[in-house]
Amino acid sequence: MESKKDSGGGSFFQMPLHYPRYTRKDYQDMPEWQLDTLLRQYGLSTHGDLAYKRDFAMGTFLWPDPTSTPNYHTSNHSTLLNKRV
């Protein structure tokens, strides 16, 4: 995390340029100090135990697996469209 003081005495946060590219396995094997560093870089909390930090990092940085989510596009919405109110 890059935190700098402005001339008014406050500070600001500058988002890192790159999104983390770790896999689920990487997060599961990542040591606590590395998780803390990663979370701090993005201005996120480092409070909690190691399991909480891993879950938080995976929930924050991993994209959902499209094969495990329901496919909402295949549901039949035509019955809703044909109903008259």
PDB file of N, CA and C in Angstrom:
ATOM      1  N   MET A   1       0.854  -1.168   0.000  1.00  0.00           N
ATOM      2  CA  MET A   1       0.000   0.000   0.000  1.00  0.00           C
ATOM      3  C   MET A   1       0.896   1.226   0.000  1.00  0.00           C
ATOM      4  N   GLU A   2       0.527   2.131  -0.801  1.00  0.00           N
ATOM      5  CA  GLU A   2       1.295   3.361  -0.848  1.00  0.00           C
ATOM      6  C   GLU A   2       0.460   4.448  -0.211  1.00  0.00           C
ATOM      7  N   SER A   3       0.902   4.914   0.933  1.00  0.00           N
ATOM      8  CA  SER A   3       0.195   5.974   1.645  1.00  0.00           C
ATOM      9  C   SER A   3       1.118   7.166   1.731  1.00  0.00           C
ATOM     10  N   LYS A   4       0.645   8.277   1.238  1.00  0.00           N
ATOM     11  CA  LYS A   4       1.465   9.477   1.248  1.00  0.00           C
ATOM     12  C   LYS A   4       0.709  10.583   1.950  1.00  0.00           C
ATOM     13  N   LYS A   5       1.449  11.467   2.559  1.00  0.00           N
ATOM     14  CA  LYS A   5       0.858  12.639   3.199  1.00  0.00           C
ATOM     15  C   LYS A   5       0.648  13.712   2.145  1.00  0.00           C
ATOM     16  N   ASP A   6      -0.515  14.347   2.169  1.00  0.00           N
ATOM     17  CA  ASP A   6      -0.698  15.494   1.289  1.00  0.00           C
ATOM     18  C   ASP A   6      -0.333  16.758   2.047  1.00  0.00           C
ATOM     19  N   SER A   7      -0.354  17.881   1.382  1.00  0.00           N
ATOM     20  CA  SER A   7       0.082  19.127   2.004  1.00  0.00           C
ATOM     21  C   SER A   7      -0.850  19.568   3.129  1.00  0.00           C
ATOM     22  N   GLY A   8      -2.082  19.041   3.175  1.00  0.00           N
ATOM     23  CA  GLY A   8      -3.029  19.408   4.220  1.00  0.00           C
ATOM     24  C   GLY A   8      -2.891  18.569   5.476  1.00  0.00           C
ATOM     25  N   GLY A   9      -1.929  17.639   5.520  1.00  0.00           N
ATOM     26  CA  GLY A   9      -1.716  16.831   6.704  1.00  0.00           C
ATOM     27  C   GLY A   9      -2.451  15.498   6.670  1.00  0.00           C
ATOM     28  N   GLY A  10      -3.313  15.267   5.667  1.00  0.00           N
ATOM     29  CA  GLY A  10      -4.023  13.995   5.545  1.00  0.00           C
ATOM     30  C   GLY A  10      -3.194  12.999   4.764  1.00  0.00           C
ATOM     31  N   SER A  11      -3.760  11.856   4.490  1.00  0.00           N
ATOM     32  CA  SER A  11      -3.063  10.879   3.664  1.00  0.00           C
ATOM     33  C   SER A  11      -4.044  10.339   2.630  1.00  0.00           C
ATOM     34  N   PHE A  12      -3.522   9.703   1.600  1.00  0.00           N
ATOM     35  CA  PHE A  12      -4.375   9.105   0.582  1.00  0.00           C
ATOM     36  C   PHE A  12      -3.833   7.736   0.228  1.00  0.00           C
ATOM     37  N   PHE A  13      -4.690   6.925  -0.382  1.00  0.00           N
ATOM     38  CA  PHE A  13      -4.346   5.564  -0.754  1.00  0.00           C
ATOM     39  C   PHE A  13      -4.226   5.496  -2.270  1.00  0.00           C
ATOM     40  N   GLN A  14      -3.196   4.843  -2.765  1.00  0.00           N
ATOM     41  CA  GLN A  14      -3.032   4.656  -4.196  1.00  0.00           C
ATOM     42  C   GLN A  14      -3.121   3.169  -4.501  1.00  0.00           C
ATOM     43  N   MET A  15      -4.141   2.785  -5.265  1.00  0.00           N
ATOM     44  CA  MET A  15      -4.372   1.386  -5.618  1.00  0.00           C
ATOM     45  C   MET A  15      -3.213   0.859  -6.462  1.00  0.00           C
ATOM     46  N   PRO A  16      -2.720  -0.349  -6.160  1.00  0.00           N
ATOM     47  CA  PRO A  16      -1.676  -0.945  -6.996  1.00  0.00           C
ATOM     48  C   PRO A  16      -2.163  -1.099  -8.439  1.00  0.00           C
ATOM     49  N   LEU A  17      -1.244  -1.086  -9.381  1.00  0.00           N
ATOM     50  CA  LEU A  17      -1.607  -1.153 -10.798  1.00  0.00           C
ATOM     51  C   LEU A  17      -2.131  -2.514 -11.225  1.00  0.00           C
ATOM     52  N   HIS A  18      -1.650  -3.574 -10.613  1.00  0.00           N
ATOM     53  CA  HIS A  18      -1.986  -4.914 -11.069  1.00  0.00           C
ATOM     54  C   HIS A  18      -2.849  -5.656 -10.054  1.00  0.00           C
ATOM     55  N   TYR A  19      -3.801  -6.420 -10.579  1.00  0.00           N
ATOM     56  CA  TYR A  19      -4.657  -7.266  -9.767  1.00  0.00           C
ATOM     57  C   TYR A  19      -3.867  -8.532  -9.427  1.00  0.00           C
ATOM     58  N   PRO A  20      -3.952  -9.029  -8.193  1.00  0.00           N
ATOM     59  CA  PRO A  20      -3.178 -10.237  -7.850  1.00  0.00           C
ATOM     60  C   PRO A  20      -3.588 -11.429  -8.717  1.00  0.00           C
ATOM     61  N   ARG A  21      -2.631 -12.223  -9.116  1.00  0.00           N
ATOM     62  CA  ARG A  21      -2.906 -13.381  -9.981  1.00  0.00           C
ATOM     63  C   ARG A  21      -2.536 -14.680  -9.275  1.00  0.00           C
ATOM     64  N   TYR A  22      -3.062 -14.861  -8.094  1.00  0.00           N
ATOM     65  CA  TYR A  22      -2.805 -16.092  -7.344  1.00  0.00           C
ATOM     66  C   TYR A  22      -3.968 -17.050  -7.545  1.00  0.00           C
ATOM     67  N   THR A  23      -3.671 -18.338  -7.454  1.00  0.00           N
ATOM     68  CA  THR A  23      -4.719 -19.354  -7.536  1.00  0.00           C
ATOM     69  C   THR A  23      -5.227 -19.662  -6.125  1.00  0.00           C
ATOM     70  N   ARG A  24      -6.306 -20.423  -6.052  1.00  0.00           N
ATOM     71  CA  ARG A  24      -6.840 -20.846  -4.758  1.00  0.00           C
ATOM     72  C   ARG A  24      -5.771 -21.594  -3.977  1.00  0.00           C
ATOM     73  N   LYS A  25      -5.019 -22.455  -4.653  1.00  0.00           N
ATOM     74  CA  LYS A  25      -3.948 -23.218  -3.996  1.00  0.00           C
ATOM     75  C   LYS A  25      -2.871 -22.274  -3.464  1.00  0.00           C
ATOM     76  N   ASP A  26      -2.533 -21.237  -4.240  1.00  0.00           N
ATOM     77  CA  ASP A  26      -1.538 -20.258  -3.777  1.00  0.00           C
ATOM     78  C   ASP A  26      -1.983 -19.615  -2.465  1.00  0.00           C
ATOM     79  N   TYR A  27      -3.260 -19.214  -2.394  1.00  0.00           N
ATOM     80  CA  TYR A  27      -3.763 -18.586  -1.168  1.00  0.00           C
ATOM     81  C   TYR A  27      -3.773 -19.584  -0.004  1.00  0.00           C
ATOM     82  N   GLN A  28      -4.108 -20.843  -0.291  1.00  0.00           N
ATOM     83  CA  GLN A  28      -4.160 -21.854   0.762  1.00  0.00           C
ATOM     84  C   GLN A  28      -2.773 -22.160   1.324  1.00  0.00           C
ATOM     85  N   ASP A  29      -1.744 -22.005   0.494  1.00  0.00           N
ATOM     86  CA  ASP A  29      -0.372 -22.292   0.923  1.00  0.00           C
ATOM     87  C   ASP A  29       0.407 -21.049   1.347  1.00  0.00           C
ATOM     88  N   MET A  30      -0.166 -19.871   1.154  1.00  0.00           N
ATOM     89  CA  MET A  30       0.533 -18.608   1.404  1.00  0.00           C
ATOM     90  C   MET A  30       0.781 -18.403   2.896  1.00  0.00           C
ATOM     91  N   PRO A  31       2.004 -18.035   3.279  1.00  0.00           N
ATOM     92  CA  PRO A  31       2.279 -17.759   4.695  1.00  0.00           C
ATOM     93  C   PRO A  31       1.571 -16.478   5.143  1.00  0.00           C
ATOM     94  N   GLU A  32       1.366 -16.375   6.437  1.00  0.00           N
ATOM     95  CA  GLU A  32       0.601 -15.256   6.978  1.00  0.00           C
ATOM     96  C   GLU A  32       1.233 -13.901   6.658  1.00  0.00           C
ATOM     97  N   TRP A  33       2.549 -13.804   6.733  1.00  0.00           N
ATOM     98  CA  TRP A  33       3.200 -12.521   6.459  1.00  0.00           C
ATOM     99  C   TRP A  33       2.931 -12.062   5.028  1.00  0.00           C
ATOM    100  N   GLN A  34       2.866 -13.018   4.090  1.00  0.00           N
ATOM    101  CA  GLN A  34       2.624 -12.665   2.693  1.00  0.00           C
ATOM    102  C   GLN A  34       1.173 -12.224   2.486  1.00  0.00           C
ATOM    103  N   LEU A  35       0.240 -12.902   3.160  1.00  0.00           N
ATOM    104  CA  LEU A  35      -1.160 -12.479   3.109  1.00  0.00           C
ATOM    105  C   LEU A  35      -1.318 -11.071   3.681  1.00  0.00           C
ATOM    106  N   ASP A  36      -0.662 -10.816   4.814  1.00  0.00           N
ATOM    107  CA  ASP A  36      -0.722  -9.488   5.430  1.00  0.00           C
ATOM    108  C   ASP A  36      -0.212  -8.419   4.470  1.00  0.00           C
ATOM    109  N   THR A  37       0.902  -8.708   3.805  1.00  0.00           N
ATOM    110  CA  THR A  37       1.481  -7.757   2.860  1.00  0.00           C
ATOM    111  C   THR A  37       0.524  -7.498   1.701  1.00  0.00           C
ATOM    112  N   LEU A  38      -0.043  -8.556   1.156  1.00  0.00           N
ATOM    113  CA  LEU A  38      -0.978  -8.424   0.041  1.00  0.00           C
ATOM    114  C   LEU A  38      -2.207  -7.604   0.440  1.00  0.00           C
ATOM    115  N   LEU A  39      -2.794  -7.934   1.580  1.00  0.00           N
ATOM    116  CA  LEU A  39      -3.978  -7.208   2.034  1.00  0.00           C
ATOM    117  C   LEU A  39      -3.664  -5.735   2.285  1.00  0.00           C
ATOM    118  N   ARG A  40      -2.508  -5.463   2.891  1.00  0.00           N
ATOM    119  CA  ARG A  40      -2.100  -4.068   3.150  1.00  0.00           C
ATOM    120  C   ARG A  40      -1.919  -3.295   1.852  1.00  0.00           C
ATOM    121  N   GLN A  41      -1.367  -3.949   0.820  1.00  0.00           N
ATOM    122  CA  GLN A  41      -1.147  -3.281  -0.463  1.00  0.00           C
ATOM    123  C   GLN A  41      -2.458  -2.760  -1.050  1.00  0.00           C
ATOM    124  N   TYR A  42      -3.549  -3.450  -0.769  1.00  0.00           N
ATOM    125  CA  TYR A  42      -4.849  -3.055  -1.305  1.00  0.00           C
ATOM    126  C   TYR A  42      -5.686  -2.299  -0.282  1.00  0.00           C
ATOM    127  N   GLY A  43      -5.069  -1.903   0.818  1.00  0.00           N
ATOM    128  CA  GLY A  43      -5.769  -1.108   1.819  1.00  0.00           C
ATOM    129  C   GLY A  43      -6.802  -1.891   2.607  1.00  0.00           C
ATOM    130  N   LEU A  44      -6.625  -3.215   2.692  1.00  0.00           N
ATOM    131  CA  LEU A  44      -7.586  -4.081   3.385  1.00  0.00           C
ATOM    132  C   LEU A  44      -7.086  -4.448   4.774  1.00  0.00           C
ATOM    133  N   SER A  45      -8.005  -4.829   5.618  1.00  0.00           N
ATOM    134  CA  SER A  45      -7.696  -5.177   7.001  1.00  0.00           C
ATOM    135  C   SER A  45      -6.851  -6.440   7.091  1.00  0.00           C
ATOM    136  N   THR A  46      -5.920  -6.448   8.026  1.00  0.00           N
ATOM    137  CA  THR A  46      -5.102  -7.637   8.276  1.00  0.00           C
ATOM    138  C   THR A  46      -5.453  -8.269   9.628  1.00  0.00           C
ATOM    139  N   HIS A  47      -6.599  -7.909  10.170  1.00  0.00           N
ATOM    140  CA  HIS A  47      -7.029  -8.469  11.451  1.00  0.00           C
ATOM    141  C   HIS A  47      -7.642  -9.852  11.234  1.00  0.00           C
ATOM    142  N   GLY A  48      -7.500 -10.695  12.221  1.00  0.00           N
ATOM    143  CA  GLY A  48      -8.070 -12.036  12.165  1.00  0.00           C
ATOM    144  C   GLY A  48      -6.992 -13.099  12.144  1.00  0.00           C
ATOM    145  N   ASP A  49      -7.429 -14.344  12.278  1.00  0.00           N
ATOM    146  CA  ASP A  49      -6.463 -15.442  12.246  1.00  0.00           C
ATOM    147  C   ASP A  49      -6.132 -15.801  10.798  1.00  0.00           C
ATOM    148  N   LEU A  50      -5.196 -16.719  10.629  1.00  0.00           N
ATOM    149  CA  LEU A  50      -4.709 -17.084   9.299  1.00  0.00           C
ATOM    150  C   LEU A  50      -5.826 -17.628   8.412  1.00  0.00           C
ATOM    151  N   ALA A  51      -6.689 -18.472   8.961  1.00  0.00           N
ATOM    152  CA  ALA A  51      -7.789 -19.044   8.173  1.00  0.00           C
ATOM    153  C   ALA A  51      -8.728 -17.946   7.684  1.00  0.00           C
ATOM    154  N   TYR A  52      -9.024 -16.975   8.548  1.00  0.00           N
ATOM    155  CA  TYR A  52      -9.897 -15.867   8.161  1.00  0.00           C
ATOM    156  C   TYR A  52      -9.261 -15.035   7.045  1.00  0.00           C
ATOM    157  N   LYS A  53      -7.968 -14.753   7.181  1.00  0.00           N
ATOM    158  CA  LYS A  53      -7.274 -13.952   6.168  1.00  0.00           C
ATOM    159  C   LYS A  53      -7.261 -14.667   4.822  1.00  0.00           C
ATOM    160  N   ARG A  54      -7.030 -15.978   4.840  1.00  0.00           N
ATOM    161  CA  ARG A  54      -7.037 -16.745   3.587  1.00  0.00           C
ATOM    162  C   ARG A  54      -8.409 -16.700   2.933  1.00  0.00           C
ATOM    163  N   ASP A  55      -9.456 -16.948   3.721  1.00  0.00           N
ATOM    164  CA  ASP A  55     -10.812 -16.901   3.183  1.00  0.00           C
ATOM    165  C   ASP A  55     -11.141 -15.511   2.650  1.00  0.00           C
ATOM    166  N   PHE A  56     -10.740 -14.490   3.389  1.00  0.00           N
ATOM    167  CA  PHE A  56     -11.009 -13.116   2.979  1.00  0.00           C
ATOM    168  C   PHE A  56     -10.292 -12.798   1.666  1.00  0.00           C
ATOM    169  N   ALA A  57      -9.017 -13.175   1.560  1.00  0.00           N
ATOM    170  CA  ALA A  57      -8.248 -12.913   0.338  1.00  0.00           C
ATOM    171  C   ALA A  57      -8.845 -13.657  -0.850  1.00  0.00           C
ATOM    172  N   MET A  58      -9.225 -14.920  -0.654  1.00  0.00           N
ATOM    173  CA  MET A  58      -9.810 -15.685  -1.754  1.00  0.00           C
ATOM    174  C   MET A  58     -11.150 -15.089  -2.177  1.00  0.00           C
ATOM    175  N   GLY A  59     -11.956 -14.672  -1.211  1.00  0.00           N
ATOM    176  CA  GLY A  59     -13.239 -14.062  -1.539  1.00  0.00           C
ATOM    177  C   GLY A  59     -13.086 -12.712  -2.211  1.00  0.00           C
ATOM    178  N   THR A  60     -12.014 -12.018  -1.916  1.00  0.00           N
ATOM    179  CA  THR A  60     -11.786 -10.691  -2.476  1.00  0.00           C
ATOM    180  C   THR A  60     -11.141 -10.743  -3.854  1.00  0.00           C
ATOM    181  N   PHE A  61     -10.162 -11.607  -4.039  1.00  0.00           N
ATOM    182  CA  PHE A  61      -9.357 -11.554  -5.254  1.00  0.00           C
ATOM    183  C   PHE A  61      -9.643 -12.647  -6.282  1.00  0.00           C
ATOM    184  N   LEU A  62     -10.315 -13.724  -5.900  1.00  0.00           N
ATOM    185  CA  LEU A  62     -10.578 -14.788  -6.878  1.00  0.00           C
ATOM    186  C   LEU A  62     -11.917 -14.562  -7.562  1.00  0.00           C
ATOM    187  N   TRP A  63     -11.941 -14.766  -8.860  1.00  0.00           N
ATOM    188  CA  TRP A  63     -13.191 -14.689  -9.607  1.00  0.00           C
ATOM    189  C   TRP A  63     -13.966 -15.977  -9.357  1.00  0.00           C
ATOM    190  N   PRO A  64     -15.301 -15.897  -9.321  1.00  0.00           N
ATOM    191  CA  PRO A  64     -16.082 -17.115  -9.127  1.00  0.00           C
ATOM    192  C   PRO A  64     -15.870 -18.091 -10.284  1.00  0.00           C
ATOM    193  N   ASP A  65     -15.936 -19.362  -9.979  1.00  0.00           N
ATOM    194  CA  ASP A  65     -15.803 -20.403 -10.991  1.00  0.00           C
ATOM    195  C   ASP A  65     -17.113 -20.485 -11.761  1.00  0.00           C
ATOM    196  N   PRO A  66     -17.108 -20.187 -13.065  1.00  0.00           N
ATOM    197  CA  PRO A  66     -18.365 -20.175 -13.822  1.00  0.00           C
ATOM    198  C   PRO A  66     -19.013 -21.550 -13.929  1.00  0.00           C
ATOM    199  N   THR A  67     -18.247 -22.617 -13.720  1.00  0.00           N
ATOM    200  CA  THR A  67     -18.832 -23.952 -13.806  1.00  0.00           C
ATOM    201  C   THR A  67     -19.587 -24.330 -12.539  1.00  0.00           C
ATOM    202  N   SER A  68     -19.369 -23.589 -11.440  1.00  0.00           N
ATOM    203  CA  SER A  68     -20.029 -23.952 -10.191  1.00  0.00           C
ATOM    204  C   SER A  68     -21.213 -23.045  -9.865  1.00  0.00           C
ATOM    205  N   THR A  69     -21.428 -22.001 -10.663  1.00  0.00           N
ATOM    206  CA  THR A  69     -22.550 -21.112 -10.399  1.00  0.00           C
ATOM    207  C   THR A  69     -23.724 -21.488 -11.278  1.00  0.00           C
ATOM    208  N   PRO A  70     -24.943 -21.240 -10.821  1.00  0.00           N
ATOM    209  CA  PRO A  70     -26.104 -21.580 -11.643  1.00  0.00           C
ATOM    210  C   PRO A  70     -26.124 -20.751 -12.924  1.00  0.00           C
ATOM    211  N   ASN A  71     -26.626 -21.338 -13.972  1.00  0.00           N
ATOM    212  CA  ASN A  71     -26.724 -20.639 -15.243  1.00  0.00           C
ATOM    213  C   ASN A  71     -28.107 -19.997 -15.326  1.00  0.00           C
ATOM    214  N   TYR A  72     -28.173 -18.725 -15.063  1.00  0.00           N
ATOM    215  CA  TYR A  72     -29.441 -18.019 -15.029  1.00  0.00           C
ATOM    216  C   TYR A  72     -29.998 -17.781 -16.420  1.00  0.00           C
ATOM    217  N   HIS A  73     -29.166 -17.899 -17.434  1.00  0.00           N
ATOM    218  CA  HIS A  73     -29.623 -17.639 -18.797  1.00  0.00           C
ATOM    219  C   HIS A  73     -30.472 -18.771 -19.353  1.00  0.00           C
ATOM    220  N   THR A  74     -30.413 -19.954 -18.777  1.00  0.00           N
ATOM    221  CA  THR A  74     -31.172 -21.075 -19.311  1.00  0.00           C
ATOM    222  C   THR A  74     -32.530 -21.235 -18.635  1.00  0.00           C
ATOM    223  N   SER A  75     -32.811 -20.466 -17.602  1.00  0.00           N
ATOM    224  CA  SER A  75     -34.104 -20.610 -16.950  1.00  0.00           C
ATOM    225  C   SER A  75     -35.194 -20.053 -17.850  1.00  0.00           C
ATOM    226  N   ASN A  76     -36.387 -20.541 -17.681  1.00  0.00           N
ATOM    227  CA  ASN A  76     -37.493 -20.193 -18.553  1.00  0.00           C
ATOM    228  C   ASN A  76     -38.213 -18.958 -18.018  1.00  0.00           C
ATOM    229  N   HIS A  77     -37.902 -17.800 -18.612  1.00  0.00           N
ATOM    230  CA  HIS A  77     -38.531 -16.555 -18.192  1.00  0.00           C
ATOM    231  C   HIS A  77     -39.740 -16.221 -19.055  1.00  0.00           C
ATOM    232  N   SER A  78     -40.010 -17.029 -20.061  1.00  0.00           N
ATOM    233  CA  SER A  78     -41.111 -16.705 -20.964  1.00  0.00           C
ATOM    234  C   SER A  78     -42.457 -16.746 -20.248  1.00  0.00           C
ATOM    235  N   THR A  79     -42.583 -17.572 -19.208  1.00  0.00           N
ATOM    236  CA  THR A  79     -43.850 -17.624 -18.487  1.00  0.00           C
ATOM    237  C   THR A  79     -44.100 -16.311 -17.756  1.00  0.00           C
ATOM    238  N   LEU A  80     -43.023 -15.681 -17.282  1.00  0.00           N
ATOM    239  CA  LEU A  80     -43.182 -14.395 -16.615  1.00  0.00           C
ATOM    240  C   LEU A  80     -43.550 -13.303 -17.627  1.00  0.00           C
ATOM    241  N   LEU A  81     -42.991 -13.389 -18.822  1.00  0.00           N
ATOM    242  CA  LEU A  81     -43.259 -12.386 -19.838  1.00  0.00           C
ATOM    243  C   LEU A  81     -44.676 -12.505 -20.406  1.00  0.00           C
ATOM    244  N   ASN A  82     -45.221 -13.689 -20.404  1.00  0.00           N
ATOM    245  CA  ASN A  82     -46.549 -13.910 -20.982  1.00  0.00           C
ATOM    246  C   ASN A  82     -47.682 -13.604 -20.028  1.00  0.00           C
ATOM    247  N   LYS A  83     -47.387 -13.449 -18.744  1.00  0.00           N
ATOM    248  CA  LYS A  83     -48.432 -13.129 -17.770  1.00  0.00           C
ATOM    249  C   LYS A  83     -48.858 -11.686 -17.938  1.00  0.00           C
ATOM    250  N   ARG A  84     -50.125 -11.449 -17.869  1.00  0.00           N
ATOM    251  CA  ARG A  84     -50.642 -10.083 -17.943  1.00  0.00           C
ATOM    252  C   ARG A  84     -51.048  -9.650 -16.549  1.00  0.00           C
ATOM    253  N   VAL A  85     -50.747  -8.422 -16.253  1.00  0.00           N
ATOM    254  CA  VAL A  85     -51.070  -7.877 -14.920  1.00  0.00           C
ATOM    255  C   VAL A  85     -52.354  -7.104 -14.985  1.00  0.00           C
TER     256      VAL A  85
END
